[in-house]
Every structure is written in structure tokens, then in C-alpha cells.
Amino acid sequence: MKKIKYLGLIPARSGSKGVKDKNIYSLGGKPLIQYTFEKAKTSSLLSDIHLTSDSNKIIEFSKNHGVKSLYKRPSSISGDKAAAIDVIMYHLNWLKKNKNIFVENIVYLQPTSPIRKNNLIDKVLKKYESKNSISLVTICECSQHPYETIKIVNEKIVEFQNIKNFTRRQDFPKHYFITGSIYVFNVENLIKTKKIINSDTDYYLTSIEEGLDIDNLLDFKLAESLLSSY
């Protein structure tokens, strides 16, 4: 049985509610997913890079850019309600059954996070190793603080309760957002717990810019502006 220490896995389904064909929508003159392909290929620690997709267009595009696509993902795990863990487990089982390959660690790279500084993937993996982690995610500080959120009750504004303990925004406790850019996790532990993130998960702090997750056309415009500085 062949073993892969760090498998870069890039998920890219065909559908999208916010932007049609979002993963191959043009960003700065090239398809969105290409940014993730390019950064993954610069990593010196990834053992291999695979795509999992139900789109013939994305599959063909990946093959033309040196990223392996070994099968077409079934529709049952390709809809907007499909869970990431189902996609991951399908890929792991497919590799074991069809290629006799066992993966030790998955590095899950979502293409909707196109802004990653140089060597970010390897820096994340080095921390993962140094901490002897079973899972690690990238996070950034929240650009909009949750204490400033409100809800509407009976047509009236209700403030976040904890805000009453503070007089200045600068005194708010720091809150963080899981960016979705990079998830690293041990496969053996994933199979045992069926969870990507748990109380033992470590983190790698990135910039707010790297935390941008593209969901709509406004995000694309913001990303184009930010990419010019990277």
C-alpha cells in the first residue's frame, strides 16, 4: 500500500447560488480556482495535489494545470447541502479501493479563498508538525465584531448583551473567524471522530485579507483589489 503524508485536496463543485460557475469565474483575468492550484503547487511539503469535482469543465481545467482529478464526483455529494466530511471520506475510500493509497494527512484547500501569501501552506504545515496536531485551521481576526451585531424582536432592535460591559470598541475581546483557506487534519483521527474541527484543533493566524471567502460578485471585486497588493 502506498502512503501519502500530506495530500492537498481541492474541492470544487459545479453549482453555486451566489455566482454561476463560481469556481471558474474570472478573477483578475484567470479562473478563481487557478489561484489555489498555483499556491498548492508552490508547496514543498505537499506530497500530491488532487481535485474533487462533479464538473467536466473544472476537471479538464485541473488536468491542464497539473492537478490530478481521478474521477467525477457523484451528484449525491455535490449539491449545496453536501458536507465537506462526506466529500473527504469519499475521496479517501476511493483512493484506498482503486489505487491502494492510504493518506496520513489531508490539507483541504478551498478555491473560494484565493488570497494566500507566499509559503502560507508550508508555514501552516510546519506549525501542524511542531505542535504535533491532529487538526489545524487558518483563522483571522473578525473585521466586524460580533458584539456589534443586533437582532430584531417585535420590530425592535435588540443589542448583543455583552456590549453593555464595554464603553469603547477598542476594549472588546478579540474574536476570530475560521477562514476556510486551509484545513489540515490527521486522517486516522478523522475516521475515528468524524469531525474536522474539535476542542483539540490548533490554529494558524493569518491576515484579514487572507480571510476573504468569495461568495458573491462584491467579493470578487474586493478580491481583485486585494490581489493587486500581493
C-alpha atoms as a PDB file:
ATOM      1  CA  MET A   1       0.000   0.000   0.000  1.00  0.00           C
ATOM      2  CA  LYS A   2       1.306   3.438  -0.961  1.00  0.00           C
ATOM      3  CA  LYS A   3       1.202   6.142   1.697  1.00  0.00           C
ATOM      4  CA  ILE A   4       0.786   9.889   1.129  1.00  0.00           C
ATOM      5  CA  LYS A   5       1.923  12.050   4.045  1.00  0.00           C
ATOM      6  CA  TYR A   6       0.249  15.306   3.019  1.00  0.00           C
ATOM      7  CA  LEU A   7      -2.431  15.255   0.348  1.00  0.00           C
ATOM      8  CA  GLY A   8      -3.627  18.636  -0.892  1.00  0.00           C
ATOM      9  CA  LEU A   9      -7.333  18.170  -1.650  1.00  0.00           C
ATOM     10  CA  ILE A  10      -9.177  20.897  -3.565  1.00  0.00           C
ATOM     11  CA  PRO A  11     -12.993  20.668  -3.612  1.00  0.00           C
ATOM     12  CA  ALA A  12     -14.811  22.396  -6.480  1.00  0.00           C
ATOM     13  CA  ARG A  13     -18.390  21.571  -7.315  1.00  0.00           C
ATOM     14  CA  SER A  14     -20.115  22.939 -10.401  1.00  0.00           C
ATOM     15  CA  GLY A  15     -23.112  24.673  -8.838  1.00  0.00           C
ATOM     16  CA  SER A  16     -23.234  27.925  -6.904  1.00  0.00           C
ATOM     17  CA  LYS A  17     -26.135  30.058  -5.745  1.00  0.00           C
ATOM     18  CA  GLY A  18     -24.252  33.343  -5.430  1.00  0.00           C
ATOM     19  CA  VAL A  19     -22.306  33.329  -8.717  1.00  0.00           C
ATOM     20  CA  LYS A  20     -22.832  30.894 -11.595  1.00  0.00           C
ATOM     21  CA  ASP A  21     -19.807  28.625 -12.115  1.00  0.00           C
ATOM     22  CA  LYS A  22     -18.085  30.480  -9.283  1.00  0.00           C
ATOM     23  CA  ASN A  23     -15.007  28.270  -9.123  1.00  0.00           C
ATOM     24  CA  ILE A  24     -14.064  29.086 -12.720  1.00  0.00           C
ATOM     25  CA  TYR A  25     -15.423  32.641 -12.751  1.00  0.00           C
ATOM     26  CA  SER A  26     -12.755  35.104 -13.861  1.00  0.00           C
ATOM     27  CA  LEU A  27     -10.786  36.869 -11.147  1.00  0.00           C
ATOM     28  CA  GLY A  28      -8.073  39.205 -12.337  1.00  0.00           C
ATOM     29  CA  GLY A  29      -8.019  37.545 -15.747  1.00  0.00           C
ATOM     30  CA  LYS A  30      -7.927  33.896 -14.695  1.00  0.00           C
ATOM     31  CA  PRO A  31     -10.383  31.393 -13.188  1.00  0.00           C
ATOM     32  CA  LEU A  32     -10.838  31.643  -9.428  1.00  0.00           C
ATOM     33  CA  ILE A  33      -9.674  28.078  -8.809  1.00  0.00           C
ATOM     34  CA  GLN A  34      -6.372  28.690 -10.577  1.00  0.00           C
ATOM     35  CA  TYR A  35      -5.102  30.747  -7.617  1.00  0.00           C
ATOM     36  CA  THR A  36      -5.425  27.716  -5.350  1.00  0.00           C
ATOM     37  CA  PHE A  37      -3.810  25.447  -7.941  1.00  0.00           C
ATOM     38  CA  GLU A  38      -0.840  27.798  -8.214  1.00  0.00           C
ATOM     39  CA  LYS A  39      -0.279  28.168  -4.461  1.00  0.00           C
ATOM     40  CA  ALA A  40      -0.648  24.430  -3.870  1.00  0.00           C
ATOM     41  CA  LYS A  41       1.993  23.681  -6.486  1.00  0.00           C
ATOM     42  CA  THR A  42       4.500  26.016  -4.795  1.00  0.00           C
ATOM     43  CA  SER A  43       4.368  23.974  -1.580  1.00  0.00           C
ATOM     44  CA  SER A  44       7.442  21.895  -0.852  1.00  0.00           C
ATOM     45  CA  LEU A  45       5.607  19.784   1.745  1.00  0.00           C
ATOM     46  CA  LEU A  46       2.513  18.628  -0.123  1.00  0.00           C
ATOM     47  CA  SER A  47       3.107  15.070  -1.336  1.00  0.00           C
ATOM     48  CA  ASP A  48       0.415  15.301  -4.016  1.00  0.00           C
ATOM     49  CA  ILE A  49      -2.499  17.518  -5.098  1.00  0.00           C
ATOM     50  CA  HIS A  50      -5.939  16.190  -6.043  1.00  0.00           C
ATOM     51  CA  LEU A  51      -9.149  17.821  -7.208  1.00  0.00           C
ATOM     52  CA  THR A  52     -12.594  16.505  -6.335  1.00  0.00           C
ATOM     53  CA  SER A  53     -15.306  17.851  -8.631  1.00  0.00           C
ATOM     54  CA  ASP A  54     -18.531  16.999 -10.433  1.00  0.00           C
ATOM     55  CA  SER A  55     -17.787  19.467 -13.237  1.00  0.00           C
ATOM     56  CA  ASN A  56     -16.290  18.304 -16.539  1.00  0.00           C
ATOM     57  CA  LYS A  57     -15.018  21.849 -17.175  1.00  0.00           C
ATOM     58  CA  ILE A  58     -13.201  22.048 -13.840  1.00  0.00           C
ATOM     59  CA  ILE A  59     -11.831  18.519 -14.194  1.00  0.00           C
ATOM     60  CA  GLU A  60     -10.403  19.314 -17.629  1.00  0.00           C
ATOM     61  CA  PHE A  61      -9.017  22.622 -16.384  1.00  0.00           C
ATOM     62  CA  SER A  62      -7.278  20.896 -13.465  1.00  0.00           C
ATOM     63  CA  LYS A  63      -5.620  18.341 -15.720  1.00  0.00           C
ATOM     64  CA  ASN A  64      -4.286  21.159 -17.915  1.00  0.00           C
ATOM     65  CA  HIS A  65      -2.749  22.763 -14.809  1.00  0.00           C
ATOM     66  CA  GLY A  66      -1.037  19.724 -13.335  1.00  0.00           C
ATOM     67  CA  VAL A  67      -3.627  18.878 -10.666  1.00  0.00           C
ATOM     68  CA  LYS A  68      -4.886  15.299 -10.579  1.00  0.00           C
ATOM     69  CA  SER A  69      -8.592  14.580 -10.991  1.00  0.00           C
ATOM     70  CA  LEU A  70      -9.117  10.846 -10.647  1.00  0.00           C
ATOM     71  CA  TYR A  71     -12.900  10.577 -11.007  1.00  0.00           C
ATOM     72  CA  LYS A  72     -16.048  12.634 -11.422  1.00  0.00           C
ATOM     73  CA  ARG A  73     -17.660  13.259  -8.061  1.00  0.00           C
ATOM     74  CA  PRO A  74     -21.126  11.704  -7.645  1.00  0.00           C
ATOM     75  CA  SER A  75     -24.100  14.064  -7.606  1.00  0.00           C
ATOM     76  CA  SER A  76     -25.099  12.728  -4.189  1.00  0.00           C
ATOM     77  CA  ILE A  77     -22.164  14.604  -2.604  1.00  0.00           C
ATOM     78  CA  SER A  78     -22.059  17.580  -4.980  1.00  0.00           C
ATOM     79  CA  GLY A  79     -25.082  19.668  -4.040  1.00  0.00           C
ATOM     80  CA  ASP A  80     -25.082  22.805  -1.894  1.00  0.00           C
ATOM     81  CA  LYS A  81     -26.073  20.690   1.122  1.00  0.00           C
ATOM     82  CA  ALA A  82     -23.205  18.223   0.744  1.00  0.00           C
ATOM     83  CA  ALA A  83     -20.985  18.115   3.845  1.00  0.00           C
ATOM     84  CA  ALA A  84     -17.227  18.507   3.477  1.00  0.00           C
ATOM     85  CA  ILE A  85     -16.584  15.386   5.528  1.00  0.00           C
ATOM     86  CA  ASP A  86     -18.659  13.303   3.084  1.00  0.00           C
ATOM     87  CA  VAL A  87     -16.606  14.625   0.159  1.00  0.00           C
ATOM     88  CA  ILE A  88     -13.375  13.887   2.007  1.00  0.00           C
ATOM     89  CA  MET A  89     -14.364  10.395   3.112  1.00  0.00           C
ATOM     90  CA  TYR A  90     -15.497   9.507  -0.410  1.00  0.00           C
ATOM     91  CA  HIS A  91     -12.093  10.571  -1.759  1.00  0.00           C
ATOM     92  CA  LEU A  92     -10.182   8.628   0.887  1.00  0.00           C
ATOM     93  CA  ASN A  93     -12.231   5.484   0.292  1.00  0.00           C
ATOM     94  CA  TRP A  94     -11.870   5.824  -3.488  1.00  0.00           C
ATOM     95  CA  LEU A  95      -8.074   6.063  -3.197  1.00  0.00           C
ATOM     96  CA  LYS A  96      -7.909   3.035  -0.917  1.00  0.00           C
ATOM     97  CA  LYS A  97     -10.201   0.911  -3.093  1.00  0.00           C
ATOM     98  CA  ASN A  98      -8.975   1.925  -6.558  1.00  0.00           C
ATOM     99  CA  LYS A  99      -5.330   2.898  -6.048  1.00  0.00           C
ATOM    100  CA  ASN A 100      -4.365   1.116  -2.810  1.00  0.00           C
ATOM    101  CA  ILE A 101      -3.342   4.501  -1.399  1.00  0.00           C
ATOM    102  CA  PHE A 102      -3.548   5.471   2.279  1.00  0.00           C
ATOM    103  CA  VAL A 103      -3.454   9.171   3.169  1.00  0.00           C
ATOM    104  CA  GLU A 104      -1.940  10.177   6.504  1.00  0.00           C
ATOM    105  CA  ASN A 105      -2.985  13.854   6.495  1.00  0.00           C
ATOM    106  CA  ILE A 106      -5.384  15.905   4.376  1.00  0.00           C
ATOM    107  CA  VAL A 107      -4.665  19.543   3.530  1.00  0.00           C
ATOM    108  CA  TYR A 108      -8.070  20.857   2.467  1.00  0.00           C
ATOM    109  CA  LEU A 109      -7.744  23.922   0.226  1.00  0.00           C
ATOM    110  CA  GLN A 110     -10.968  25.705  -0.682  1.00  0.00           C
ATOM    111  CA  PRO A 111     -10.761  27.601  -4.001  1.00  0.00           C
ATOM    112  CA  THR A 112     -13.056  30.338  -2.670  1.00  0.00           C
ATOM    113  CA  SER A 113     -10.058  31.611  -0.659  1.00  0.00           C
ATOM    114  CA  PRO A 114      -7.768  32.904  -3.428  1.00  0.00           C
ATOM    115  CA  ILE A 115      -5.586  35.165  -1.295  1.00  0.00           C
ATOM    116  CA  ARG A 116      -2.773  33.236   0.353  1.00  0.00           C
ATOM    117  CA  LYS A 117       0.620  34.770   0.985  1.00  0.00           C
ATOM    118  CA  ASN A 118       3.677  33.019  -0.385  1.00  0.00           C
ATOM    119  CA  ASN A 119       4.644  29.894   1.570  1.00  0.00           C
ATOM    120  CA  LEU A 120       1.466  30.039   3.668  1.00  0.00           C
ATOM    121  CA  ILE A 121       0.684  26.369   3.089  1.00  0.00           C
ATOM    122  CA  ASP A 122       4.154  25.255   4.189  1.00  0.00           C
ATOM    123  CA  LYS A 123       4.103  27.582   7.212  1.00  0.00           C
ATOM    124  CA  VAL A 124       0.787  26.077   8.279  1.00  0.00           C
ATOM    125  CA  LEU A 125       2.134  22.543   7.856  1.00  0.00           C
ATOM    126  CA  LYS A 126       5.292  23.344   9.829  1.00  0.00           C
ATOM    127  CA  LYS A 127       3.172  24.580  12.736  1.00  0.00           C
ATOM    128  CA  TYR A 128       0.979  21.495  12.429  1.00  0.00           C
ATOM    129  CA  GLU A 129       4.086  19.344  12.775  1.00  0.00           C
ATOM    130  CA  SER A 130       5.711  21.383  15.543  1.00  0.00           C
ATOM    131  CA  LYS A 131       2.532  21.255  17.644  1.00  0.00           C
ATOM    132  CA  ASN A 132       2.058  17.544  16.885  1.00  0.00           C
ATOM    133  CA  SER A 133      -1.505  18.491  15.980  1.00  0.00           C
ATOM    134  CA  ILE A 134      -4.356  16.239  14.999  1.00  0.00           C
ATOM    135  CA  SER A 135      -6.048  19.147  13.207  1.00  0.00           C
ATOM    136  CA  LEU A 136      -5.301  22.788  12.451  1.00  0.00           C
ATOM    137  CA  VAL A 137      -7.228  25.589  10.715  1.00  0.00           C
ATOM    138  CA  THR A 138      -6.418  29.064   9.470  1.00  0.00           C
ATOM    139  CA  ILE A 139      -8.143  31.913  11.270  1.00  0.00           C
ATOM    140  CA  CYS A 140      -8.164  35.711  11.108  1.00  0.00           C
ATOM    141  CA  GLU A 141      -9.453  38.431  13.375  1.00  0.00           C
ATOM    142  CA  CYS A 142     -13.070  39.374  12.664  1.00  0.00           C
ATOM    143  CA  SER A 143     -13.296  42.538  10.568  1.00  0.00           C
ATOM    144  CA  GLN A 144     -16.759  43.211  12.037  1.00  0.00           C
ATOM    145  CA  HIS A 145     -17.022  42.465  15.735  1.00  0.00           C
ATOM    146  CA  PRO A 146     -19.845  40.140  16.834  1.00  0.00           C
ATOM    147  CA  TYR A 147     -20.596  42.401  19.821  1.00  0.00           C
ATOM    148  CA  GLU A 148     -21.892  44.968  17.332  1.00  0.00           C
ATOM    149  CA  THR A 149     -24.429  42.608  15.834  1.00  0.00           C
ATOM    150  CA  ILE A 150     -28.108  43.012  16.597  1.00  0.00           C
ATOM    151  CA  LYS A 151     -31.318  41.057  16.232  1.00  0.00           C
ATOM    152  CA  ILE A 152     -34.852  42.264  15.639  1.00  0.00           C
ATOM    153  CA  VAL A 153     -37.508  41.264  18.157  1.00  0.00           C
ATOM    154  CA  ASN A 154     -41.069  42.506  17.713  1.00  0.00           C
ATOM    155  CA  GLU A 155     -39.779  45.035  15.154  1.00  0.00           C
ATOM    156  CA  LYS A 156     -37.337  46.461  17.720  1.00  0.00           C
ATOM    157  CA  ILE A 157     -33.526  46.395  17.767  1.00  0.00           C
ATOM    158  CA  VAL A 158     -32.015  44.195  20.453  1.00  0.00           C
ATOM    159  CA  GLU A 159     -28.287  44.684  21.065  1.00  0.00           C
ATOM    160  CA  PHE A 160     -25.783  41.958  21.766  1.00  0.00           C
ATOM    161  CA  GLN A 161     -25.983  41.645  25.562  1.00  0.00           C
ATOM    162  CA  ASN A 162     -22.252  41.628  26.265  1.00  0.00           C
ATOM    163  CA  ILE A 163     -21.786  45.041  24.671  1.00  0.00           C
ATOM    164  CA  LYS A 164     -23.194  46.592  27.843  1.00  0.00           C
ATOM    165  CA  ASN A 165     -19.940  45.709  29.620  1.00  0.00           C
ATOM    166  CA  PHE A 166     -17.892  47.990  27.361  1.00  0.00           C
ATOM    167  CA  THR A 167     -17.839  51.687  26.592  1.00  0.00           C
ATOM    168  CA  ARG A 168     -15.290  51.562  23.723  1.00  0.00           C
ATOM    169  CA  ARG A 169     -14.985  49.250  20.748  1.00  0.00           C
ATOM    170  CA  GLN A 170     -11.213  49.074  21.314  1.00  0.00           C
ATOM    171  CA  ASP A 171     -11.854  47.263  24.596  1.00  0.00           C
ATOM    172  CA  PHE A 172     -13.864  44.430  23.058  1.00  0.00           C
ATOM    173  CA  PRO A 173     -12.247  40.994  23.476  1.00  0.00           C
ATOM    174  CA  LYS A 174     -10.739  39.712  20.251  1.00  0.00           C
ATOM    175  CA  HIS A 175     -12.875  37.378  18.186  1.00  0.00           C
ATOM    176  CA  TYR A 176     -11.707  35.253  15.286  1.00  0.00           C
ATOM    177  CA  PHE A 177     -13.131  33.772  12.118  1.00  0.00           C
ATOM    178  CA  ILE A 178     -12.261  30.386  10.582  1.00  0.00           C
ATOM    179  CA  THR A 179     -11.206  31.475   7.115  1.00  0.00           C
ATOM    180  CA  GLY A 180     -11.734  28.207   5.244  1.00  0.00           C
ATOM    181  CA  SER A 181      -8.470  28.791   3.382  1.00  0.00           C
ATOM    182  CA  ILE A 182      -6.566  25.827   4.843  1.00  0.00           C
ATOM    183  CA  TYR A 183      -7.672  22.914   6.995  1.00  0.00           C
ATOM    184  CA  VAL A 184      -5.119  20.272   7.979  1.00  0.00           C
ATOM    185  CA  PHE A 185      -6.166  17.115   9.759  1.00  0.00           C
ATOM    186  CA  ASN A 186      -4.955  13.650  10.568  1.00  0.00           C
ATOM    187  CA  VAL A 187      -6.949  11.061   8.638  1.00  0.00           C
ATOM    188  CA  GLU A 188      -6.853   8.376  11.321  1.00  0.00           C
ATOM    189  CA  ASN A 189      -8.350  10.802  13.842  1.00  0.00           C
ATOM    190  CA  LEU A 190     -10.918  11.998  11.284  1.00  0.00           C
ATOM    191  CA  ILE A 191     -12.113   8.453  10.692  1.00  0.00           C
ATOM    192  CA  LYS A 192     -12.369   7.894  14.445  1.00  0.00           C
ATOM    193  CA  THR A 193     -14.153  11.141  15.384  1.00  0.00           C
ATOM    194  CA  LYS A 194     -15.965  12.002  12.123  1.00  0.00           C
ATOM    195  CA  LYS A 195     -15.069  15.635  12.882  1.00  0.00           C
ATOM    196  CA  ILE A 196     -12.731  18.047  11.082  1.00  0.00           C
ATOM    197  CA  ILE A 197     -12.709  20.564  13.949  1.00  0.00           C
ATOM    198  CA  ASN A 198     -12.914  19.771  17.667  1.00  0.00           C
ATOM    199  CA  SER A 199     -11.698  21.099  21.004  1.00  0.00           C
ATOM    200  CA  ASP A 200      -8.138  19.911  20.251  1.00  0.00           C
ATOM    201  CA  THR A 201      -7.879  21.772  16.936  1.00  0.00           C
ATOM    202  CA  ASP A 202      -4.937  24.174  16.641  1.00  0.00           C
ATOM    203  CA  TYR A 203      -4.878  27.362  14.578  1.00  0.00           C
ATOM    204  CA  TYR A 204      -2.687  29.499  12.346  1.00  0.00           C
ATOM    205  CA  LEU A 205      -3.425  33.224  12.410  1.00  0.00           C
ATOM    206  CA  THR A 206      -3.490  34.954   9.009  1.00  0.00           C
ATOM    207  CA  SER A 207      -4.260  38.486   7.887  1.00  0.00           C
ATOM    208  CA  ILE A 208      -7.846  39.650   7.454  1.00  0.00           C
ATOM    209  CA  GLU A 209      -7.157  39.931   3.709  1.00  0.00           C
ATOM    210  CA  GLU A 210      -6.269  36.242   3.537  1.00  0.00           C
ATOM    211  CA  GLY A 211      -9.521  35.512   5.306  1.00  0.00           C
ATOM    212  CA  LEU A 212     -11.603  36.692   2.355  1.00  0.00           C
ATOM    213  CA  ASP A 213     -14.023  33.952   1.315  1.00  0.00           C
ATOM    214  CA  ILE A 214     -15.652  34.598  -2.047  1.00  0.00           C
ATOM    215  CA  ASP A 215     -19.398  34.128  -2.112  1.00  0.00           C
ATOM    216  CA  ASN A 216     -20.770  36.855  -4.404  1.00  0.00           C
ATOM    217  CA  LEU A 217     -19.796  39.385  -7.083  1.00  0.00           C
ATOM    218  CA  LEU A 218     -18.932  42.030  -4.483  1.00  0.00           C
ATOM    219  CA  ASP A 219     -16.385  39.611  -3.004  1.00  0.00           C
ATOM    220  CA  PHE A 220     -14.858  39.170  -6.471  1.00  0.00           C
ATOM    221  CA  LYS A 221     -14.416  42.932  -6.798  1.00  0.00           C
ATOM    222  CA  LEU A 222     -12.821  43.143  -3.362  1.00  0.00           C
ATOM    223  CA  ALA A 223     -10.528  40.229  -4.158  1.00  0.00           C
ATOM    224  CA  GLU A 224      -9.341  41.868  -7.384  1.00  0.00           C
ATOM    225  CA  SER A 225      -8.383  44.960  -5.402  1.00  0.00           C
ATOM    226  CA  LEU A 226      -6.578  42.970  -2.700  1.00  0.00           C
ATOM    227  CA  LEU A 227      -4.722  40.716  -5.144  1.00  0.00           C
ATOM    228  CA  SER A 228      -3.005  43.740  -6.657  1.00  0.00           C
ATOM    229  CA  SER A 229      -1.096  44.137  -3.378  1.00  0.00           C
ATOM    230  CA  TYR A 230       0.039  40.501  -3.263  1.00  0.00           C
END
